[in-house]
Protein backbone atom coordinates (compact mmCIF):
# COMPACT_ATOMS: atom_id res chain seq x y z
CA MET A 1 23.71 -6.75 -0.34
CA VAL A 2 27.33 -5.45 0.65
CA ALA A 3 29.05 -5.53 3.93
CA LEU A 4 30.19 -2.60 5.09
CA SER A 5 32.64 -1.57 8.10
CA LEU A 6 31.66 1.19 10.28
CA HIS A 7 34.36 3.43 11.84
CA LYS A 8 32.38 4.20 15.07
CA GLU A 9 28.56 3.74 16.33
CA GLN A 10 25.87 5.60 14.59
CA PRO A 11 22.05 5.46 15.42
CA GLY A 12 20.13 4.09 12.69
CA SER A 13 21.67 2.39 9.75
CA ILE A 14 23.72 3.96 6.75
CA LEU A 15 20.93 3.82 4.56
CA ASN A 16 18.79 5.49 7.07
CA SER A 17 21.32 8.35 7.33
CA LEU A 18 21.20 8.95 3.74
CA LEU A 19 17.56 8.27 2.85
CA VAL A 20 15.83 10.42 5.41
CA PRO A 21 17.30 13.66 4.16
CA LEU A 22 16.48 12.86 0.57
CA LEU A 23 13.06 11.81 1.37
CA SER A 24 12.61 15.08 3.47
CA ALA A 25 13.98 17.13 0.62
CA ALA A 26 11.70 15.51 -2.07
CA THR A 27 8.68 16.04 0.09
CA ASP A 28 9.66 19.35 0.80
CA LEU A 29 10.10 20.00 -3.07
CA LEU A 30 6.58 18.32 -3.70
CA VAL A 31 4.72 20.26 -1.03
CA HIS A 32 6.12 23.69 -2.03
CA GLU A 33 5.09 22.75 -5.67
CA VAL A 34 8.59 23.36 -6.83
CA VAL A 35 8.61 19.98 -8.89
CA ASP A 36 6.03 17.22 -9.55
CA MET A 37 6.40 13.51 -8.79
CA GLU A 38 7.54 12.58 -12.06
CA THR A 39 10.29 15.11 -12.10
CA ILE A 40 11.66 13.50 -8.87
CA VAL A 41 11.31 9.79 -10.06
CA ALA A 42 13.21 10.71 -13.27
CA TYR A 43 16.03 12.25 -11.08
CA LEU A 44 15.91 9.21 -9.09
CA LYS A 45 15.93 6.73 -11.86
CA GLY A 46 19.17 8.54 -13.07
CA HIS A 47 20.88 8.20 -9.85
CA PHE A 48 19.26 4.88 -8.44
CA ILE A 49 18.53 1.50 -9.61
CA ASP A 50 15.11 0.77 -7.64
CA THR A 51 12.96 4.01 -7.63
CA GLY A 52 9.96 1.77 -6.89
CA THR A 53 10.30 2.24 -3.14
CA LEU A 54 11.72 5.68 -3.01
CA THR A 55 8.66 6.84 -4.90
CA ALA A 56 6.25 5.23 -2.48
CA LEU A 57 7.94 6.47 0.40
CA ILE A 58 8.03 9.92 -0.82
CA ALA A 59 4.37 9.91 -1.76
CA ASP A 60 3.61 8.53 1.47
CA ARG A 61 5.62 11.39 3.25
CA GLN A 62 3.64 13.72 1.16
CA ARG A 63 0.15 12.52 2.15
CA LEU A 64 1.23 12.77 5.81
CA GLN A 65 2.66 16.25 5.39
CA LYS A 66 -0.62 17.41 3.82
CA GLY A 67 -2.63 16.09 6.38
């Protein structure tokens, strides 16, 4: 883990501030059938080291949105 200095207070963490919009966008793409989970995973593998956690979070959000 890398220590990061903040310039001012922010609710939540840096990771959550970046991750939540990414998960929301991925979920929207899945729900609207723009792409499938494999496409999102392939994209994430090209941009992130550990995609297992992100994939699980996206799948959970998708299940919640579909009801």
